[in-house]
PDB file of N, CA and C in Angstrom:
ATOM      1  N   MET A   1    -233.806  11.242 -15.622  1.00  0.00           N
ATOM      2  CA  MET A   1    -233.362  11.900 -16.824  1.00  0.00           C
ATOM      3  C   MET A   1    -233.597  13.395 -16.659  1.00  0.00           C
ATOM      4  N   VAL A   2    -232.608  14.195 -17.013  1.00  0.00           N
ATOM      5  CA  VAL A   2    -232.681  15.644 -16.892  1.00  0.00           C
ATOM      6  C   VAL A   2    -232.764  16.239 -18.287  1.00  0.00           C
ATOM      7  N   ASP A   3    -233.754  17.107 -18.487  1.00  0.00           N
ATOM      8  CA  ASP A   3    -233.847  17.813 -19.762  1.00  0.00           C
ATOM      9  C   ASP A   3    -232.845  18.948 -19.759  1.00  0.00           C
ATOM     10  N   THR A   4    -232.018  18.998 -20.790  1.00  0.00           N
ATOM     11  CA  THR A   4    -231.075  20.092 -20.920  1.00  0.00           C
ATOM     12  C   THR A   4    -231.501  20.953 -22.090  1.00  0.00           C
ATOM     13  N   PRO A   5    -231.369  22.268 -21.957  1.00  0.00           N
ATOM     14  CA  PRO A   5    -231.737  23.128 -23.067  1.00  0.00           C
ATOM     15  C   PRO A   5    -230.837  22.880 -24.262  1.00  0.00           C
ATOM     16  N   PRO A   6    -231.335  23.109 -25.470  1.00  0.00           N
ATOM     17  CA  PRO A   6    -230.499  22.914 -26.651  1.00  0.00           C
ATOM     18  C   PRO A   6    -229.311  23.867 -26.627  1.00  0.00           C
ATOM     19  N   SER A   7    -228.231  23.466 -27.297  1.00  0.00           N
ATOM     20  CA  SER A   7    -227.034  24.299 -27.294  1.00  0.00           C
ATOM     21  C   SER A   7    -227.194  25.521 -28.190  1.00  0.00           C
ATOM     22  N   GLY A   8    -228.034  25.422 -29.188  1.00  0.00           N
ATOM     23  CA  GLY A   8    -228.266  26.551 -30.080  1.00  0.00           C
ATOM     24  C   GLY A   8    -229.631  27.159 -29.825  1.00  0.00           C
ATOM     25  N   PRO A   9    -229.992  28.131 -30.634  1.00  0.00           N
ATOM     26  CA  PRO A   9    -231.274  28.795 -30.436  1.00  0.00           C
ATOM     27  C   PRO A   9    -232.454  27.922 -30.851  1.00  0.00           C
ATOM     28  N   THR A  10    -233.582  28.213 -30.243  1.00  0.00           N
ATOM     29  CA  THR A  10    -234.851  27.623 -30.653  1.00  0.00           C
ATOM     30  C   THR A  10    -235.488  28.573 -31.647  1.00  0.00           C
ATOM     31  N   VAL A  11    -236.016  28.029 -32.733  1.00  0.00           N
ATOM     32  CA  VAL A  11    -236.686  28.840 -33.740  1.00  0.00           C
ATOM     33  C   VAL A  11    -238.179  28.837 -33.438  1.00  0.00           C
ATOM     34  N   ILE A  12    -238.750  30.033 -33.326  1.00  0.00           N
ATOM     35  CA  ILE A  12    -240.189  30.174 -33.137  1.00  0.00           C
ATOM     36  C   ILE A  12    -240.759  30.774 -34.412  1.00  0.00           C
ATOM     37  N   LEU A  13    -241.661  30.017 -35.035  1.00  0.00           N
ATOM     38  CA  LEU A  13    -242.266  30.405 -36.301  1.00  0.00           C
ATOM     39  C   LEU A  13    -243.647  30.988 -36.056  1.00  0.00           C
ATOM     40  N   VAL A  14    -243.908  32.162 -36.624  1.00  0.00           N
ATOM     41  CA  VAL A  14    -245.184  32.847 -36.434  1.00  0.00           C
ATOM     42  C   VAL A  14    -245.810  33.078 -37.810  1.00  0.00           C
ATOM     43  N   HIS A  15    -246.992  32.514 -37.991  1.00  0.00           N
ATOM     44  CA  HIS A  15    -247.650  32.564 -39.303  1.00  0.00           C
ATOM     45  C   HIS A  15    -248.257  33.930 -39.590  1.00  0.00           C
ATOM     46  N   GLY A  16    -248.588  34.131 -40.848  1.00  0.00           N
ATOM     47  CA  GLY A  16    -249.222  35.367 -41.274  1.00  0.00           C
ATOM     48  C   GLY A  16    -250.738  35.291 -41.166  1.00  0.00           C
ATOM     49  N   ALA A  17    -251.376  36.358 -41.606  1.00  0.00           N
ATOM     50  CA  ALA A  17    -252.837  36.404 -41.614  1.00  0.00           C
ATOM     51  C   ALA A  17    -253.373  35.395 -42.633  1.00  0.00           C
ATOM     52  N   TRP A  18    -254.584  34.967 -42.421  1.00  0.00           N
ATOM     53  CA  TRP A  18    -255.261  34.001 -43.285  1.00  0.00           C
ATOM     54  C   TRP A  18    -254.481  32.696 -43.408  1.00  0.00           C
ATOM     55  N   ALA A  19    -253.776  32.360 -42.354  1.00  0.00           N
ATOM     56  CA  ALA A  19    -253.014  31.111 -42.300  1.00  0.00           C
ATOM     57  C   ALA A  19    -253.052  30.618 -40.864  1.00  0.00           C
ATOM     58  N   ASP A  20    -252.420  29.487 -40.621  1.00  0.00           N
ATOM     59  CA  ASP A  20    -252.265  28.997 -39.257  1.00  0.00           C
ATOM     60  C   ASP A  20    -250.908  28.323 -39.137  1.00  0.00           C
ATOM     61  N   GLY A  21    -250.650  27.740 -37.987  1.00  0.00           N
ATOM     62  CA  GLY A  21    -249.345  27.139 -37.732  1.00  0.00           C
ATOM     63  C   GLY A  21    -248.947  26.064 -38.725  1.00  0.00           C
ATOM     64  N   SER A  22    -249.931  25.441 -39.360  1.00  0.00           N
ATOM     65  CA  SER A  22    -249.615  24.384 -40.327  1.00  0.00           C
ATOM     66  C   SER A  22    -248.952  24.936 -41.589  1.00  0.00           C
ATOM     67  N   SER A  23    -248.976  26.255 -41.760  1.00  0.00           N
ATOM     68  CA  SER A  23    -248.325  26.834 -42.941  1.00  0.00           C
ATOM     69  C   SER A  23    -246.816  26.605 -42.928  1.00  0.00           C
ATOM     70  N   TRP A  24    -246.290  26.222 -41.773  1.00  0.00           N
ATOM     71  CA  TRP A  24    -244.855  25.949 -41.641  1.00  0.00           C
ATOM     72  C   TRP A  24    -244.527  24.463 -41.801  1.00  0.00           C
ATOM     73  N   GLN A  25    -245.481  23.668 -42.260  1.00  0.00           N
ATOM     74  CA  GLN A  25    -245.302  22.215 -42.288  1.00  0.00           C
ATOM     75  C   GLN A  25    -244.134  21.735 -43.141  1.00  0.00           C
ATOM     76  N   ARG A  26    -243.724  22.498 -44.111  1.00  0.00           N
ATOM     77  CA  ARG A  26    -242.561  22.088 -44.921  1.00  0.00           C
ATOM     78  C   ARG A  26    -241.246  22.600 -44.347  1.00  0.00           C
ATOM     79  N   VAL A  27    -241.320  23.608 -43.533  1.00  0.00           N
ATOM     80  CA  VAL A  27    -240.117  24.213 -42.944  1.00  0.00           C
ATOM     81  C   VAL A  27    -239.672  23.447 -41.700  1.00  0.00           C
ATOM     82  N   ILE A  28    -240.632  23.055 -40.886  1.00  0.00           N
ATOM     83  CA  ILE A  28    -240.324  22.403 -39.606  1.00  0.00           C
ATOM     84  C   ILE A  28    -239.445  21.165 -39.778  1.00  0.00           C
ATOM     85  N   PRO A  29    -239.763  20.238 -40.694  1.00  0.00           N
ATOM     86  CA  PRO A  29    -238.893  19.055 -40.836  1.00  0.00           C
ATOM     87  C   PRO A  29    -237.471  19.390 -41.280  1.00  0.00           C
ATOM     88  N   LEU A  30    -237.322  20.435 -42.068  1.00  0.00           N
ATOM     89  CA  LEU A  30    -235.979  20.835 -42.508  1.00  0.00           C
ATOM     90  C   LEU A  30    -235.132  21.302 -41.328  1.00  0.00           C
ATOM     91  N   LEU A  31    -235.754  22.044 -40.420  1.00  0.00           N
ATOM     92  CA  LEU A  31    -235.027  22.532 -39.246  1.00  0.00           C
ATOM     93  C   LEU A  31    -234.765  21.411 -38.245  1.00  0.00           C
ATOM     94  N   THR A  32    -235.788  20.611 -37.968  1.00  0.00           N
ATOM     95  CA  THR A  32    -235.598  19.539 -36.983  1.00  0.00           C
ATOM     96  C   THR A  32    -234.598  18.494 -37.473  1.00  0.00           C
ATOM     97  N   ALA A  33    -234.508  18.298 -38.781  1.00  0.00           N
ATOM     98  CA  ALA A  33    -233.521  17.353 -39.321  1.00  0.00           C
ATOM     99  C   ALA A  33    -232.096  17.817 -39.031  1.00  0.00           C
ATOM    100  N   LYS A  34    -231.936  19.108 -38.828  1.00  0.00           N
ATOM    101  CA  LYS A  34    -230.619  19.660 -38.492  1.00  0.00           C
ATOM    102  C   LYS A  34    -230.435  19.812 -36.984  1.00  0.00           C
ATOM    103  N   GLY A  35    -231.399  19.272 -36.219  1.00  0.00           N
ATOM    104  CA  GLY A  35    -231.297  19.320 -34.768  1.00  0.00           C
ATOM    105  C   GLY A  35    -231.704  20.661 -34.164  1.00  0.00           C
ATOM    106  N   ILE A  36    -232.393  21.455 -34.937  1.00  0.00           N
ATOM    107  CA  ILE A  36    -232.821  22.772 -34.459  1.00  0.00           C
ATOM    108  C   ILE A  36    -234.209  22.653 -33.847  1.00  0.00           C
ATOM    109  N   PRO A  37    -234.354  23.010 -32.569  1.00  0.00           N
ATOM    110  CA  PRO A  37    -235.675  22.954 -31.957  1.00  0.00           C
ATOM    111  C   PRO A  37    -236.594  24.021 -32.559  1.00  0.00           C
ATOM    112  N   VAL A  38    -237.849  23.649 -32.784  1.00  0.00           N
ATOM    113  CA  VAL A  38    -238.788  24.534 -33.462  1.00  0.00           C
ATOM    114  C   VAL A  38    -240.124  24.544 -32.726  1.00  0.00           C
ATOM    115  N   ILE A  39    -240.708  25.725 -32.634  1.00  0.00           N
ATOM    116  CA  ILE A  39    -242.074  25.880 -32.146  1.00  0.00           C
ATOM    117  C   ILE A  39    -242.827  26.673 -33.208  1.00  0.00           C
ATOM    118  N   ALA A  40    -243.972  26.163 -33.640  1.00  0.00           N
ATOM    119  CA  ALA A  40    -244.845  26.913 -34.539  1.00  0.00           C
ATOM    120  C   ALA A  40    -246.007  27.431 -33.708  1.00  0.00           C
ATOM    121  N   VAL A  41    -246.123  28.736 -33.615  1.00  0.00           N
ATOM    122  CA  VAL A  41    -247.170  29.363 -32.814  1.00  0.00           C
ATOM    123  C   VAL A  41    -248.497  29.274 -33.565  1.00  0.00           C
ATOM    124  N   GLN A  42    -249.541  28.949 -32.833  1.00  0.00           N
ATOM    125  CA  GLN A  42    -250.892  28.964 -33.396  1.00  0.00           C
ATOM    126  C   GLN A  42    -251.591  30.222 -32.890  1.00  0.00           C
ATOM    127  N   ASN A  43    -251.466  31.291 -33.649  1.00  0.00           N
ATOM    128  CA  ASN A  43    -252.080  32.550 -33.248  1.00  0.00           C
ATOM    129  C   ASN A  43    -253.569  32.550 -33.573  1.00  0.00           C
ATOM    130  N   PRO A  44    -254.368  33.208 -32.729  1.00  0.00           N
ATOM    131  CA  PRO A  44    -255.809  33.249 -32.981  1.00  0.00           C
ATOM    132  C   PRO A  44    -256.203  34.188 -34.117  1.00  0.00           C
ATOM    133  N   THR A  45    -255.314  35.092 -34.502  1.00  0.00           N
ATOM    134  CA  THR A  45    -255.551  36.123 -35.521  1.00  0.00           C
ATOM    135  C   THR A  45    -256.842  36.914 -35.263  1.00  0.00           C
ATOM    136  N   SER A  46    -257.144  37.135 -34.009  1.00  0.00           N
ATOM    137  CA  SER A  46    -258.314  37.943 -33.650  1.00  0.00           C
ATOM    138  C   SER A  46    -257.931  39.403 -33.407  1.00  0.00           C
ATOM    139  N   SER A  47    -256.684  39.627 -33.013  1.00  0.00           N
ATOM    140  CA  SER A  47    -256.171  40.987 -32.833  1.00  0.00           C
ATOM    141  C   SER A  47    -254.659  40.905 -32.673  1.00  0.00           C
ATOM    142  N   LEU A  48    -254.008  42.038 -32.857  1.00  0.00           N
ATOM    143  CA  LEU A  48    -252.555  42.070 -32.646  1.00  0.00           C
ATOM    144  C   LEU A  48    -252.228  41.699 -31.206  1.00  0.00           C
ATOM    145  N   ALA A  49    -252.972  42.230 -30.260  1.00  0.00           N
ATOM    146  CA  ALA A  49    -252.706  41.939 -28.843  1.00  0.00           C
ATOM    147  C   ALA A  49    -252.843  40.451 -28.542  1.00  0.00           C
ATOM    148  N   ASP A  50    -253.865  39.809 -29.100  1.00  0.00           N
ATOM    149  CA  ASP A  50    -254.054  38.370 -28.862  1.00  0.00           C
ATOM    150  C   ASP A  50    -252.933  37.551 -29.487  1.00  0.00           C
ATOM    151  N   ASP A  51    -252.516  37.941 -30.689  1.00  0.00           N
ATOM    152  CA  ASP A  51    -251.432  37.216 -31.354  1.00  0.00           C
ATOM    153  C   ASP A  51    -250.104  37.412 -30.625  1.00  0.00           C
ATOM    154  N   VAL A  52    -249.867  38.622 -30.152  1.00  0.00           N
ATOM    155  CA  VAL A  52    -248.655  38.886 -29.377  1.00  0.00           C
ATOM    156  C   VAL A  52    -248.666  38.053 -28.102  1.00  0.00           C
ATOM    157  N   ALA A  53    -249.801  37.976 -27.436  1.00  0.00           N
ATOM    158  CA  ALA A  53    -249.902  37.179 -26.203  1.00  0.00           C
ATOM    159  C   ALA A  53    -249.599  35.709 -26.478  1.00  0.00           C
ATOM    160  N   ALA A  54    -250.123  35.164 -27.568  1.00  0.00           N
ATOM    161  CA  ALA A  54    -249.856  33.761 -27.908  1.00  0.00           C
ATOM    162  C   ALA A  54    -248.378  33.543 -28.212  1.00  0.00           C
ATOM    163  N   THR A  55    -247.777  34.493 -28.912  1.00  0.00           N
ATOM    164  CA  THR A  55    -246.355  34.374 -29.249  1.00  0.00           C
ATOM    165  C   THR A  55    -245.495  34.503 -27.995  1.00  0.00           C
ATOM    166  N   ARG A  56    -245.866  35.394 -27.097  1.00  0.00           N
ATOM    167  CA  ARG A  56    -245.119  35.527 -25.839  1.00  0.00           C
ATOM    168  C   ARG A  56    -245.238  34.269 -24.985  1.00  0.00           C
ATOM    169  N   ARG A  57    -246.380  33.597 -25.038  1.00  0.00           N
ATOM    170  CA  ARG A  57    -246.498  32.315 -24.305  1.00  0.00           C
ATOM    171  C   ARG A  57    -245.487  31.312 -24.851  1.00  0.00           C
ATOM    172  N   ALA A  58    -245.312  31.283 -26.160  1.00  0.00           N
ATOM    173  CA  ALA A  58    -244.311  30.393 -26.758  1.00  0.00           C
ATOM    174  C   ALA A  58    -242.911  30.806 -26.325  1.00  0.00           C
ATOM    175  N   LEU A  59    -242.641  32.104 -26.326  1.00  0.00           N
ATOM    176  CA  LEU A  59    -241.336  32.593 -25.871  1.00  0.00           C
ATOM    177  C   LEU A  59    -241.058  32.176 -24.431  1.00  0.00           C
ATOM    178  N   ASN A  60    -242.072  32.237 -23.593  1.00  0.00           N
ATOM    179  CA  ASN A  60    -241.902  31.895 -22.183  1.00  0.00           C
ATOM    180  C   ASN A  60    -241.632  30.416 -21.956  1.00  0.00           C
ATOM    181  N   MET A  61    -241.910  29.583 -22.942  1.00  0.00           N
ATOM    182  CA  MET A  61    -241.652  28.143 -22.824  1.00  0.00           C
ATOM    183  C   MET A  61    -240.188  27.789 -23.072  1.00  0.00           C
ATOM    184  N   VAL A  62    -239.447  28.707 -23.654  1.00  0.00           N
ATOM    185  CA  VAL A  62    -238.086  28.417 -24.113  1.00  0.00           C
ATOM    186  C   VAL A  62    -237.061  28.947 -23.125  1.00  0.00           C
ATOM    187  N   GLU A  63    -236.107  28.091 -22.795  1.00  0.00           N
ATOM    188  CA  GLU A  63    -234.933  28.519 -22.037  1.00  0.00           C
ATOM    189  C   GLU A  63    -233.801  28.693 -23.028  1.00  0.00           C
ATOM    190  N   GLY A  64    -233.167  29.831 -22.990  1.00  0.00           N
ATOM    191  CA  GLY A  64    -232.047  30.061 -23.891  1.00  0.00           C
ATOM    192  C   GLY A  64    -232.436  30.962 -25.048  1.00  0.00           C
ATOM    193  N   PRO A  65    -231.515  31.083 -25.993  1.00  0.00           N
ATOM    194  CA  PRO A  65    -231.724  32.007 -27.103  1.00  0.00           C
ATOM    195  C   PRO A  65    -232.842  31.560 -28.043  1.00  0.00           C
ATOM    196  N   VAL A  66    -233.456  32.545 -28.681  1.00  0.00           N
ATOM    197  CA  VAL A  66    -234.579  32.315 -29.589  1.00  0.00           C
ATOM    198  C   VAL A  66    -234.356  33.096 -30.872  1.00  0.00           C
ATOM    199  N   ILE A  67    -234.750  32.494 -31.968  1.00  0.00           N
ATOM    200  CA  ILE A  67    -234.841  33.202 -33.242  1.00  0.00           C
ATOM    201  C   ILE A  67    -236.317  33.244 -33.599  1.00  0.00           C
ATOM    202  N   LEU A  68    -236.869  34.450 -33.698  1.00  0.00           N
ATOM    203  CA  LEU A  68    -238.261  34.627 -34.089  1.00  0.00           C
ATOM    204  C   LEU A  68    -238.337  34.798 -35.600  1.00  0.00           C
ATOM    205  N   VAL A  69    -239.244  34.059 -36.234  1.00  0.00           N
ATOM    206  CA  VAL A  69    -239.446  34.159 -37.679  1.00  0.00           C
ATOM    207  C   VAL A  69    -240.918  34.431 -37.910  1.00  0.00           C
ATOM    208  N   GLY A  70    -241.211  35.512 -38.610  1.00  0.00           N
ATOM    209  CA  GLY A  70    -242.596  35.844 -38.893  1.00  0.00           C
ATOM    210  C   GLY A  70    -242.831  35.996 -40.376  1.00  0.00           C
ATOM    211  N   HIS A  71    -243.957  35.470 -40.845  1.00  0.00           N
ATOM    212  CA  HIS A  71    -244.350  35.635 -42.234  1.00  0.00           C
ATOM    213  C   HIS A  71    -245.477  36.655 -42.307  1.00  0.00           C
ATOM    214  N   SER A  72    -245.307  37.672 -43.126  1.00  0.00           N
ATOM    215  CA  SER A  72    -246.341  38.669 -43.363  1.00  0.00           C
ATOM    216  C   SER A  72    -246.800  39.300 -42.044  1.00  0.00           C
ATOM    217  N   TRP A  73    -248.055  39.146 -41.691  1.00  0.00           N
ATOM    218  CA  TRP A  73    -248.605  39.659 -40.426  1.00  0.00           C
ATOM    219  C   TRP A  73    -247.752  39.199 -39.245  1.00  0.00           C
ATOM    220  N   GLY A  74    -247.188  38.011 -39.354  1.00  0.00           N
ATOM    221  CA  GLY A  74    -246.346  37.492 -38.282  1.00  0.00           C
ATOM    222  C   GLY A  74    -245.148  38.387 -37.992  1.00  0.00           C
ATOM    223  N   GLY A  75    -244.714  39.177 -38.984  1.00  0.00           N
ATOM    224  CA  GLY A  75    -243.620  40.112 -38.757  1.00  0.00           C
ATOM    225  C   GLY A  75    -243.997  41.194 -37.756  1.00  0.00           C
ATOM    226  N   ALA A  76    -245.212  41.694 -37.871  1.00  0.00           N
ATOM    227  CA  ALA A  76    -245.690  42.681 -36.897  1.00  0.00           C
ATOM    228  C   ALA A  76    -245.822  42.050 -35.518  1.00  0.00           C
ATOM    229  N   VAL A  77    -246.287  40.815 -35.492  1.00  0.00           N
ATOM    230  CA  VAL A  77    -246.470  40.111 -34.219  1.00  0.00           C
ATOM    231  C   VAL A  77    -245.131  39.897 -33.523  1.00  0.00           C
ATOM    232  N   ILE A  78    -244.128  39.417 -34.252  1.00  0.00           N
ATOM    233  CA  ILE A  78    -242.837  39.153 -33.595  1.00  0.00           C
ATOM    234  C   ILE A  78    -242.137  40.438 -33.189  1.00  0.00           C
ATOM    235  N   THR A  79    -242.364  41.516 -33.931  1.00  0.00           N
ATOM    236  CA  THR A  79    -241.773  42.805 -33.547  1.00  0.00           C
ATOM    237  C   THR A  79    -242.303  43.231 -32.191  1.00  0.00           C
ATOM    238  N   GLU A  80    -243.607  43.130 -32.011  1.00  0.00           N
ATOM    239  CA  GLU A  80    -244.215  43.517 -30.742  1.00  0.00           C
ATOM    240  C   GLU A  80    -243.885  42.501 -29.640  1.00  0.00           C
ATOM    241  N   ALA A  81    -243.946  41.210 -29.948  1.00  0.00           N
ATOM    242  CA  ALA A  81    -243.692  40.178 -28.933  1.00  0.00           C
ATOM    243  C   ALA A  81    -242.261  40.214 -28.430  1.00  0.00           C
ATOM    244  N   SER A  82    -241.335  40.585 -29.298  1.00  0.00           N
ATOM    245  CA  SER A  82    -239.923  40.609 -28.885  1.00  0.00           C
ATOM    246  C   SER A  82    -239.587  41.855 -28.077  1.00  0.00           C
ATOM    247  N   ASN A  83    -240.481  42.811 -28.045  1.00  0.00           N
ATOM    248  CA  ASN A  83    -240.295  44.024 -27.255  1.00  0.00           C
ATOM    249  C   ASN A  83    -240.765  43.745 -25.828  1.00  0.00           C
ATOM    250  N   ASP A  84    -240.060  42.826 -25.199  1.00  0.00           N
ATOM    251  CA  ASP A  84    -240.452  42.337 -23.870  1.00  0.00           C
ATOM    252  C   ASP A  84    -239.202  42.295 -22.997  1.00  0.00           C
ATOM    253  N   PRO A  85    -239.130  43.133 -21.957  1.00  0.00           N
ATOM    254  CA  PRO A  85    -237.920  43.187 -21.120  1.00  0.00           C
ATOM    255  C   PRO A  85    -237.538  41.850 -20.506  1.00  0.00           C
ATOM    256  N   ILE A  86    -238.485  40.947 -20.332  1.00  0.00           N
ATOM    257  CA  ILE A  86    -238.189  39.641 -19.741  1.00  0.00           C
ATOM    258  C   ILE A  86    -237.189  38.881 -20.600  1.00  0.00           C
ATOM    259  N   HIS A  87    -237.224  39.086 -21.926  1.00  0.00           N
ATOM    260  CA  HIS A  87    -236.392  38.326 -22.845  1.00  0.00           C
ATOM    261  C   HIS A  87    -235.250  39.132 -23.436  1.00  0.00           C
ATOM    262  N   ASP A  88    -234.902  40.252 -22.835  1.00  0.00           N
ATOM    263  CA  ASP A  88    -233.820  41.078 -23.381  1.00  0.00           C
ATOM    264  C   ASP A  88    -232.476  40.370 -23.388  1.00  0.00           C
ATOM    265  N   ASP A  89    -232.301  39.356 -22.565  1.00  0.00           N
ATOM    266  CA  ASP A  89    -231.024  38.658 -22.502  1.00  0.00           C
ATOM    267  C   ASP A  89    -230.927  37.549 -23.544  1.00  0.00           C
ATOM    268  N   ASN A  90    -231.970  37.278 -24.304  1.00  0.00           N
ATOM    269  CA  ASN A  90    -231.947  36.209 -25.320  1.00  0.00           C
ATOM    270  C   ASN A  90    -231.508  36.736 -26.646  1.00  0.00           C
TER     271      ASN A  90
END
């Protein structure tokens, strides 16, 4: 069996401060029910650099286009994480 990348983008969800990846628990089933692949990043919230590194690890797992979604602090994280020349083609 060969894994093929999804035909559409993968959604990567990045939580805000004082939250964790489980904050997306109501959103994830709505997206997956529509066949949209989803990753919820579990950021350590210890620093911007650490959160960006965790988000970039999630980005590196995905082949193909990505939609980054950030809530609150997660907006700063995805702005920095998406500023990565490796993923300029996504």
